[in-house]
Amino acid sequence: MCRNIRPLHNFDPPATRDEVHSAALQYVRKISGCTKPSRVNVEVFDRAVEAVADASLRLLDELVTAAPPKDREVEAAKARERSAARFAT
């Protein structure tokens, strides 16, 4: 899994369309093996990103959980702590 794709489910406030689109772009880049498609492939690449984003939005809208929503700031602080511990020299 691409390290830049973050979980988007069960956050308060919910993930935005831009966040979902960014994750879809990272996913399509990863599976296609290119960060910037050639001019010939731009249309196909963009269609794939939109399809993945739409499917992801539907998934996020339909998922059900009993867990309380996660706070973005708290989760970001945890990630910074993990990163500091991992890369401490």
PDB file of N, CA and C in Angstrom:
ATOM      1  N   MET A   1       0.858  -1.189   0.000  1.00  0.00           N
ATOM      2  CA  MET A   1       0.000   0.000   0.000  1.00  0.00           C
ATOM      3  C   MET A   1       0.889   1.231   0.000  1.00  0.00           C
ATOM      4  N   CYS A   2       0.479   2.207  -0.689  1.00  0.00           N
ATOM      5  CA  CYS A   2       1.226   3.459  -0.771  1.00  0.00           C
ATOM      6  C   CYS A   2       1.185   4.160   0.583  1.00  0.00           C
ATOM      7  N   ARG A   3       2.326   4.608   1.051  1.00  0.00           N
ATOM      8  CA  ARG A   3       2.400   5.260   2.357  1.00  0.00           C
ATOM      9  C   ARG A   3       1.617   6.562   2.414  1.00  0.00           C
ATOM     10  N   ASN A   4       1.387   7.200   1.277  1.00  0.00           N
ATOM     11  CA  ASN A   4       0.705   8.486   1.268  1.00  0.00           C
ATOM     12  C   ASN A   4      -0.809   8.365   1.343  1.00  0.00           C
ATOM     13  N   ILE A   5      -1.345   7.179   1.198  1.00  0.00           N
ATOM     14  CA  ILE A   5      -2.782   6.996   1.302  1.00  0.00           C
ATOM     15  C   ILE A   5      -3.116   6.755   2.773  1.00  0.00           C
ATOM     16  N   ARG A   6      -3.936   7.628   3.318  1.00  0.00           N
ATOM     17  CA  ARG A   6      -4.303   7.554   4.732  1.00  0.00           C
ATOM     18  C   ARG A   6      -5.737   7.049   4.878  1.00  0.00           C
ATOM     19  N   PRO A   7      -6.027   6.386   6.004  1.00  0.00           N
ATOM     20  CA  PRO A   7      -7.424   5.999   6.245  1.00  0.00           C
ATOM     21  C   PRO A   7      -8.310   7.245   6.270  1.00  0.00           C
ATOM     22  N   LEU A   8      -9.482   7.133   5.675  1.00  0.00           N
ATOM     23  CA  LEU A   8     -10.400   8.269   5.600  1.00  0.00           C
ATOM     24  C   LEU A   8     -11.732   7.985   6.279  1.00  0.00           C
ATOM     25  N   HIS A   9     -11.908   6.778   6.765  1.00  0.00           N
ATOM     26  CA  HIS A   9     -13.177   6.379   7.373  1.00  0.00           C
ATOM     27  C   HIS A   9     -13.258   6.769   8.841  1.00  0.00           C
ATOM     28  N   ASN A  10     -14.447   7.182   9.246  1.00  0.00           N
ATOM     29  CA  ASN A  10     -14.795   7.424  10.648  1.00  0.00           C
ATOM     30  C   ASN A  10     -14.042   8.595  11.268  1.00  0.00           C
ATOM     31  N   PHE A  11     -13.978   9.694  10.555  1.00  0.00           N
ATOM     32  CA  PHE A  11     -13.385  10.913  11.085  1.00  0.00           C
ATOM     33  C   PHE A  11     -14.459  11.972  11.253  1.00  0.00           C
ATOM     34  N   ASP A  12     -14.239  12.852  12.205  1.00  0.00           N
ATOM     35  CA  ASP A  12     -15.126  13.983  12.404  1.00  0.00           C
ATOM     36  C   ASP A  12     -14.306  15.242  12.275  1.00  0.00           C
ATOM     37  N   PRO A  13     -14.512  16.060  11.270  1.00  0.00           N
ATOM     38  CA  PRO A  13     -15.509  15.955  10.211  1.00  0.00           C
ATOM     39  C   PRO A  13     -15.117  14.893   9.190  1.00  0.00           C
ATOM     40  N   PRO A  14     -16.089  14.420   8.423  1.00  0.00           N
ATOM     41  CA  PRO A  14     -15.823  13.373   7.432  1.00  0.00           C
ATOM     42  C   PRO A  14     -14.813  13.818   6.376  1.00  0.00           C
ATOM     43  N   ALA A  15     -14.234  12.850   5.704  1.00  0.00           N
ATOM     44  CA  ALA A  15     -13.272  13.136   4.637  1.00  0.00           C
ATOM     45  C   ALA A  15     -13.929  13.986   3.555  1.00  0.00           C
ATOM     46  N   THR A  16     -13.166  14.922   3.032  1.00  0.00           N
ATOM     47  CA  THR A  16     -13.681  15.789   1.977  1.00  0.00           C
ATOM     48  C   THR A  16     -13.481  15.125   0.613  1.00  0.00           C
ATOM     49  N   ARG A  17     -14.151  15.653  -0.377  1.00  0.00           N
ATOM     50  CA  ARG A  17     -13.988  15.149  -1.753  1.00  0.00           C
ATOM     51  C   ARG A  17     -12.533  15.304  -2.196  1.00  0.00           C
ATOM     52  N   ASP A  18     -11.885  16.406  -1.783  1.00  0.00           N
ATOM     53  CA  ASP A  18     -10.478  16.619  -2.143  1.00  0.00           C
ATOM     54  C   ASP A  18      -9.572  15.552  -1.536  1.00  0.00           C
ATOM     55  N   GLU A  19      -9.822  15.181  -0.291  1.00  0.00           N
ATOM     56  CA  GLU A  19      -9.016  14.136   0.354  1.00  0.00           C
ATOM     57  C   GLU A  19      -9.199  12.798  -0.355  1.00  0.00           C
ATOM     58  N   VAL A  20     -10.437  12.489  -0.704  1.00  0.00           N
ATOM     59  CA  VAL A  20     -10.721  11.233  -1.404  1.00  0.00           C
ATOM     60  C   VAL A  20     -10.078  11.259  -2.784  1.00  0.00           C
ATOM     61  N   HIS A  21     -10.161  12.393  -3.466  1.00  0.00           N
ATOM     62  CA  HIS A  21      -9.549  12.513  -4.797  1.00  0.00           C
ATOM     63  C   HIS A  21      -8.030  12.341  -4.709  1.00  0.00           C
ATOM     64  N   SER A  22      -7.407  12.931  -3.687  1.00  0.00           N
ATOM     65  CA  SER A  22      -5.955  12.790  -3.510  1.00  0.00           C
ATOM     66  C   SER A  22      -5.564  11.334  -3.279  1.00  0.00           C
ATOM     67  N   ALA A  23      -6.353  10.630  -2.472  1.00  0.00           N
ATOM     68  CA  ALA A  23      -6.073   9.214  -2.226  1.00  0.00           C
ATOM     69  C   ALA A  23      -6.255   8.404  -3.513  1.00  0.00           C
ATOM     70  N   ALA A  24      -7.290   8.728  -4.285  1.00  0.00           N
ATOM     71  CA  ALA A  24      -7.527   8.031  -5.551  1.00  0.00           C
ATOM     72  C   ALA A  24      -6.380   8.285  -6.524  1.00  0.00           C
ATOM     73  N   LEU A  25      -5.900   9.514  -6.578  1.00  0.00           N
ATOM     74  CA  LEU A  25      -4.771   9.851  -7.445  1.00  0.00           C
ATOM     75  C   LEU A  25      -3.529   9.056  -7.050  1.00  0.00           C
ATOM     76  N   GLN A  26      -3.249   8.968  -5.755  1.00  0.00           N
ATOM     77  CA  GLN A  26      -2.095   8.192  -5.283  1.00  0.00           C
ATOM     78  C   GLN A  26      -2.240   6.720  -5.658  1.00  0.00           C
ATOM     79  N   TYR A  27      -3.457   6.197  -5.514  1.00  0.00           N
ATOM     80  CA  TYR A  27      -3.703   4.798  -5.841  1.00  0.00           C
ATOM     81  C   TYR A  27      -3.473   4.541  -7.333  1.00  0.00           C
ATOM     82  N   VAL A  28      -4.036   5.380  -8.184  1.00  0.00           N
ATOM     83  CA  VAL A  28      -3.878   5.189  -9.630  1.00  0.00           C
ATOM     84  C   VAL A  28      -2.414   5.360 -10.032  1.00  0.00           C
ATOM     85  N   ARG A  29      -1.726   6.306  -9.426  1.00  0.00           N
ATOM     86  CA  ARG A  29      -0.293   6.463  -9.701  1.00  0.00           C
ATOM     87  C   ARG A  29       0.467   5.192  -9.340  1.00  0.00           C
ATOM     88  N   LYS A  30       0.130   4.628  -8.192  1.00  0.00           N
ATOM     89  CA  LYS A  30       0.826   3.435  -7.716  1.00  0.00           C
ATOM     90  C   LYS A  30       0.601   2.248  -8.653  1.00  0.00           C
ATOM     91  N   ILE A  31      -0.659   1.988  -9.002  1.00  0.00           N
ATOM     92  CA  ILE A  31      -0.912   0.795  -9.807  1.00  0.00           C
ATOM     93  C   ILE A  31      -0.529   0.976 -11.269  1.00  0.00           C
ATOM     94  N   SER A  32      -0.504   2.227 -11.756  1.00  0.00           N
ATOM     95  CA  SER A  32      -0.112   2.447 -13.152  1.00  0.00           C
ATOM     96  C   SER A  32       1.401   2.528 -13.303  1.00  0.00           C
ATOM     97  N   GLY A  33       2.071   2.831 -12.207  1.00  0.00           N
ATOM     98  CA  GLY A  33       3.528   2.914 -12.245  1.00  0.00           C
ATOM     99  C   GLY A  33       4.046   4.236 -12.768  1.00  0.00           C
ATOM    100  N   CYS A  34       3.179   5.240 -12.871  1.00  0.00           N
ATOM    101  CA  CYS A  34       3.662   6.545 -13.333  1.00  0.00           C
ATOM    102  C   CYS A  34       3.011   7.666 -12.522  1.00  0.00           C
ATOM    103  N   THR A  35       3.791   8.684 -12.261  1.00  0.00           N
ATOM    104  CA  THR A  35       3.263   9.817 -11.504  1.00  0.00           C
ATOM    105  C   THR A  35       2.617  10.849 -12.408  1.00  0.00           C
ATOM    106  N   LYS A  36       3.056  10.881 -13.655  1.00  0.00           N
ATOM    107  CA  LYS A  36       2.471  11.806 -14.624  1.00  0.00           C
ATOM    108  C   LYS A  36       2.311  11.041 -15.943  1.00  0.00           C
ATOM    109  N   PRO A  37       1.063  10.823 -16.356  1.00  0.00           N
ATOM    110  CA  PRO A  37       0.853  10.045 -17.581  1.00  0.00           C
ATOM    111  C   PRO A  37       1.276  10.829 -18.823  1.00  0.00           C
ATOM    112  N   SER A  38       1.588  10.107 -19.872  1.00  0.00           N
ATOM    113  CA  SER A  38       1.903  10.741 -21.153  1.00  0.00           C
ATOM    114  C   SER A  38       0.638  11.408 -21.693  1.00  0.00           C
ATOM    115  N   ARG A  39       0.816  12.309 -22.640  1.00  0.00           N
ATOM    116  CA  ARG A  39      -0.349  13.011 -23.220  1.00  0.00           C
ATOM    117  C   ARG A  39      -1.367  12.040 -23.778  1.00  0.00           C
ATOM    118  N   VAL A  40      -0.897  10.940 -24.323  1.00  0.00           N
ATOM    119  CA  VAL A  40      -1.793   9.942 -24.905  1.00  0.00           C
ATOM    120  C   VAL A  40      -2.669   9.296 -23.823  1.00  0.00           C
ATOM    121  N   ASN A  41      -2.138   9.177 -22.612  1.00  0.00           N
ATOM    122  CA  ASN A  41      -2.843   8.465 -21.541  1.00  0.00           C
ATOM    123  C   ASN A  41      -3.529   9.365 -20.525  1.00  0.00           C
ATOM    124  N   VAL A  42      -3.452  10.671 -20.676  1.00  0.00           N
ATOM    125  CA  VAL A  42      -4.028  11.586 -19.676  1.00  0.00           C
ATOM    126  C   VAL A  42      -5.517  11.337 -19.475  1.00  0.00           C
ATOM    127  N   GLU A  43      -6.265  11.199 -20.547  1.00  0.00           N
ATOM    128  CA  GLU A  43      -7.711  11.019 -20.432  1.00  0.00           C
ATOM    129  C   GLU A  43      -8.057   9.724 -19.692  1.00  0.00           C
ATOM    130  N   VAL A  44      -7.377   8.647 -20.037  1.00  0.00           N
ATOM    131  CA  VAL A  44      -7.618   7.355 -19.385  1.00  0.00           C
ATOM    132  C   VAL A  44      -7.228   7.436 -17.911  1.00  0.00           C
ATOM    133  N   PHE A  45      -6.108   8.056 -17.639  1.00  0.00           N
ATOM    134  CA  PHE A  45      -5.612   8.216 -16.265  1.00  0.00           C
ATOM    135  C   PHE A  45      -6.620   9.015 -15.441  1.00  0.00           C
ATOM    136  N   ASP A  46      -7.079  10.150 -15.975  1.00  0.00           N
ATOM    137  CA  ASP A  46      -8.033  10.998 -15.251  1.00  0.00           C
ATOM    138  C   ASP A  46      -9.358  10.279 -15.015  1.00  0.00           C
ATOM    139  N   ARG A  47      -9.805   9.512 -16.019  1.00  0.00           N
ATOM    140  CA  ARG A  47     -11.041   8.739 -15.848  1.00  0.00           C
ATOM    141  C   ARG A  47     -10.887   7.708 -14.736  1.00  0.00           C
ATOM    142  N   ALA A  48      -9.724   7.076 -14.675  1.00  0.00           N
ATOM    143  CA  ALA A  48      -9.471   6.084 -13.629  1.00  0.00           C
ATOM    144  C   ALA A  48      -9.475   6.739 -12.250  1.00  0.00           C
ATOM    145  N   VAL A  49      -8.857   7.902 -12.131  1.00  0.00           N
ATOM    146  CA  VAL A  49      -8.841   8.618 -10.848  1.00  0.00           C
ATOM    147  C   VAL A  49     -10.272   8.946 -10.418  1.00  0.00           C
ATOM    148  N   GLU A  50     -11.089   9.448 -11.333  1.00  0.00           N
ATOM    149  CA  GLU A  50     -12.476   9.792 -10.995  1.00  0.00           C
ATOM    150  C   GLU A  50     -13.276   8.553 -10.610  1.00  0.00           C
ATOM    151  N   ALA A  51     -13.065   7.444 -11.308  1.00  0.00           N
ATOM    152  CA  ALA A  51     -13.785   6.208 -10.991  1.00  0.00           C
ATOM    153  C   ALA A  51     -13.409   5.703  -9.600  1.00  0.00           C
ATOM    154  N   VAL A  52     -12.126   5.738  -9.281  1.00  0.00           N
ATOM    155  CA  VAL A  52     -11.676   5.293  -7.960  1.00  0.00           C
ATOM    156  C   VAL A  52     -12.204   6.242  -6.880  1.00  0.00           C
ATOM    157  N   ALA A  53     -12.185   7.531  -7.149  1.00  0.00           N
ATOM    158  CA  ALA A  53     -12.698   8.507  -6.176  1.00  0.00           C
ATOM    159  C   ALA A  53     -14.192   8.300  -5.940  1.00  0.00           C
ATOM    160  N   ASP A  54     -14.953   8.096  -7.003  1.00  0.00           N
ATOM    161  CA  ASP A  54     -16.395   7.865  -6.854  1.00  0.00           C
ATOM    162  C   ASP A  54     -16.674   6.597  -6.061  1.00  0.00           C
ATOM    163  N   ALA A  55     -15.955   5.529  -6.382  1.00  0.00           N
ATOM    164  CA  ALA A  55     -16.133   4.271  -5.648  1.00  0.00           C
ATOM    165  C   ALA A  55     -15.745   4.444  -4.179  1.00  0.00           C
ATOM    166  N   SER A  56     -14.694   5.192  -3.927  1.00  0.00           N
ATOM    167  CA  SER A  56     -14.244   5.428  -2.552  1.00  0.00           C
ATOM    168  C   SER A  56     -15.260   6.240  -1.771  1.00  0.00           C
ATOM    169  N   LEU A  57     -15.833   7.264  -2.400  1.00  0.00           N
ATOM    170  CA  LEU A  57     -16.866   8.068  -1.732  1.00  0.00           C
ATOM    171  C   LEU A  57     -18.085   7.217  -1.389  1.00  0.00           C
ATOM    172  N   ARG A  58     -18.501   6.360  -2.331  1.00  0.00           N
ATOM    173  CA  ARG A  58     -19.631   5.462  -2.050  1.00  0.00           C
ATOM    174  C   ARG A  58     -19.298   4.546  -0.882  1.00  0.00           C
ATOM    175  N   LEU A  59     -18.095   4.000  -0.882  1.00  0.00           N
ATOM    176  CA  LEU A  59     -17.673   3.117   0.206  1.00  0.00           C
ATOM    177  C   LEU A  59     -17.722   3.848   1.538  1.00  0.00           C
ATOM    178  N   LEU A  60     -17.125   5.025   1.601  1.00  0.00           N
ATOM    179  CA  LEU A  60     -17.096   5.788   2.851  1.00  0.00           C
ATOM    180  C   LEU A  60     -18.506   6.159   3.324  1.00  0.00           C
ATOM    181  N   ASP A  61     -19.394   6.465   2.385  1.00  0.00           N
ATOM    182  CA  ASP A  61     -20.775   6.814   2.743  1.00  0.00           C
ATOM    183  C   ASP A  61     -21.547   5.623   3.290  1.00  0.00           C
ATOM    184  N   GLU A  62     -21.213   4.417   2.819  1.00  0.00           N
ATOM    185  CA  GLU A  62     -21.997   3.238   3.173  1.00  0.00           C
ATOM    186  C   GLU A  62     -21.414   2.420   4.325  1.00  0.00           C
ATOM    187  N   LEU A  63     -20.170   2.662   4.697  1.00  0.00           N
ATOM    188  CA  LEU A  63     -19.580   1.916   5.812  1.00  0.00           C
ATOM    189  C   LEU A  63     -20.301   2.258   7.110  1.00  0.00           C
ATOM    190  N   VAL A  64     -20.478   1.248   7.952  1.00  0.00           N
ATOM    191  CA  VAL A  64     -21.144   1.418   9.233  1.00  0.00           C
ATOM    192  C   VAL A  64     -20.172   1.009  10.329  1.00  0.00           C
ATOM    193  N   THR A  65     -20.133   1.789  11.394  1.00  0.00           N
ATOM    194  CA  THR A  65     -19.279   1.446  12.526  1.00  0.00           C
ATOM    195  C   THR A  65     -19.949   1.861  13.824  1.00  0.00           C
ATOM    196  N   ALA A  66     -19.639   1.125  14.893  1.00  0.00           N
ATOM    197  CA  ALA A  66     -20.146   1.475  16.211  1.00  0.00           C
ATOM    198  C   ALA A  66     -19.123   2.306  16.979  1.00  0.00           C
ATOM    199  N   ALA A  67     -17.933   2.428  16.418  1.00  0.00           N
ATOM    200  CA  ALA A  67     -16.860   3.180  17.079  1.00  0.00           C
ATOM    201  C   ALA A  67     -17.135   4.681  16.982  1.00  0.00           C
ATOM    202  N   PRO A  68     -16.747   5.415  17.990  1.00  0.00           N
ATOM    203  CA  PRO A  68     -16.915   6.872  17.916  1.00  0.00           C
ATOM    204  C   PRO A  68     -15.975   7.447  16.856  1.00  0.00           C
ATOM    205  N   PRO A  69     -16.359   8.555  16.234  1.00  0.00           N
ATOM    206  CA  PRO A  69     -15.495   9.163  15.208  1.00  0.00           C
ATOM    207  C   PRO A  69     -14.153   9.575  15.794  1.00  0.00           C
ATOM    208  N   LYS A  70     -13.104   9.440  14.978  1.00  0.00           N
ATOM    209  CA  LYS A  70     -11.760   9.824  15.397  1.00  0.00           C
ATOM    210  C   LYS A  70     -11.563  11.316  15.164  1.00  0.00           C
ATOM    211  N   ASP A  71     -10.775  11.922  16.026  1.00  0.00           N
ATOM    212  CA  ASP A  71     -10.449  13.339  15.899  1.00  0.00           C
ATOM    213  C   ASP A  71      -9.200  13.472  15.036  1.00  0.00           C
ATOM    214  N   ARG A  72      -9.258  14.307  14.019  1.00  0.00           N
ATOM    215  CA  ARG A  72      -8.137  14.459  13.089  1.00  0.00           C
ATOM    216  C   ARG A  72      -6.873  14.948  13.779  1.00  0.00           C
ATOM    217  N   GLU A  73      -7.011  15.888  14.689  1.00  0.00           N
ATOM    218  CA  GLU A  73      -5.834  16.437  15.374  1.00  0.00           C
ATOM    219  C   GLU A  73      -5.176  15.392  16.265  1.00  0.00           C
ATOM    220  N   VAL A  74      -5.972  14.614  16.957  1.00  0.00           N
ATOM    221  CA  VAL A  74      -5.432  13.564  17.830  1.00  0.00           C
ATOM    222  C   VAL A  74      -4.700  12.522  16.989  1.00  0.00           C
ATOM    223  N   GLU A  75      -5.307  12.104  15.881  1.00  0.00           N
ATOM    224  CA  GLU A  75      -4.672  11.112  15.006  1.00  0.00           C
ATOM    225  C   GLU A  75      -3.384  11.663  14.386  1.00  0.00           C
ATOM    226  N   ALA A  76      -3.371  12.946  14.027  1.00  0.00           N
ATOM    227  CA  ALA A  76      -2.161  13.562  13.466  1.00  0.00           C
ATOM    228  C   ALA A  76      -1.056  13.612  14.517  1.00  0.00           C
ATOM    229  N   ALA A  77      -1.414  13.899  15.758  1.00  0.00           N
ATOM    230  CA  ALA A  77      -0.423  13.924  16.829  1.00  0.00           C
ATOM    231  C   ALA A  77       0.160  12.530  17.051  1.00  0.00           C
ATOM    232  N   LYS A  78      -0.681  11.511  17.023  1.00  0.00           N
ATOM    233  CA  LYS A  78      -0.197  10.127  17.171  1.00  0.00           C
ATOM    234  C   LYS A  78       0.772   9.780  16.042  1.00  0.00           C
ATOM    235  N   ALA A  79       0.434  10.184  14.824  1.00  0.00           N
ATOM    236  CA  ALA A  79       1.299   9.897  13.673  1.00  0.00           C
ATOM    237  C   ALA A  79       2.642  10.600  13.817  1.00  0.00           C
ATOM    238  N   ARG A  80       2.617  11.840  14.299  1.00  0.00           N
ATOM    239  CA  ARG A  80       3.887  12.557  14.514  1.00  0.00           C
ATOM    240  C   ARG A  80       4.733  11.861  15.578  1.00  0.00           C
ATOM    241  N   GLU A  81       4.104  11.371  16.635  1.00  0.00           N
ATOM    242  CA  GLU A  81       4.837  10.648  17.686  1.00  0.00           C
ATOM    243  C   GLU A  81       5.459   9.368  17.129  1.00  0.00           C
ATOM    244  N   ARG A  82       4.686   8.622  16.335  1.00  0.00           N
ATOM    245  CA  ARG A  82       5.213   7.389  15.735  1.00  0.00           C
ATOM    246  C   ARG A  82       6.388   7.703  14.813  1.00  0.00           C
ATOM    247  N   SER A  83       6.259   8.763  14.044  1.00  0.00           N
ATOM    248  CA  SER A  83       7.310   9.151  13.118  1.00  0.00           C
ATOM    249  C   SER A  83       8.574   9.579  13.876  1.00  0.00           C
ATOM    250  N   ALA A  84       8.398  10.353  14.948  1.00  0.00           N
ATOM    251  CA  ALA A  84       9.538  10.801  15.740  1.00  0.00           C
ATOM    252  C   ALA A  84      10.257   9.609  16.355  1.00  0.00           C
ATOM    253  N   ALA A  85       9.488   8.643  16.870  1.00  0.00           N
ATOM    254  CA  ALA A  85      10.084   7.449  17.471  1.00  0.00           C
ATOM    255  C   ALA A  85      10.804   6.610  16.412  1.00  0.00           C
ATOM    256  N   ARG A  86      10.199   6.524  15.251  1.00  0.00           N
ATOM    257  CA  ARG A  86      10.768   5.697  14.185  1.00  0.00           C
ATOM    258  C   ARG A  86      12.055   6.290  13.619  1.00  0.00           C
ATOM    259  N   PHE A  87      12.083   7.599  13.449  1.00  0.00           N
ATOM    260  CA  PHE A  87      13.217   8.246  12.799  1.00  0.00           C
ATOM    261  C   PHE A  87      14.153   8.963  13.758  1.00  0.00           C
ATOM    262  N   ALA A  88      13.992   8.714  15.047  1.00  0.00           N
ATOM    263  CA  ALA A  88      14.882   9.339  16.036  1.00  0.00           C
ATOM    264  C   ALA A  88      16.301   8.843  15.830  1.00  0.00           C
ATOM    265  N   THR A  89      17.240   9.773  15.906  1.00  0.00           N
ATOM    266  CA  THR A  89      18.642   9.370  15.724  1.00  0.00           C
ATOM    267  C   THR A  89      19.447   9.636  16.964  1.00  0.00           C
TER     268      THR A  89
END
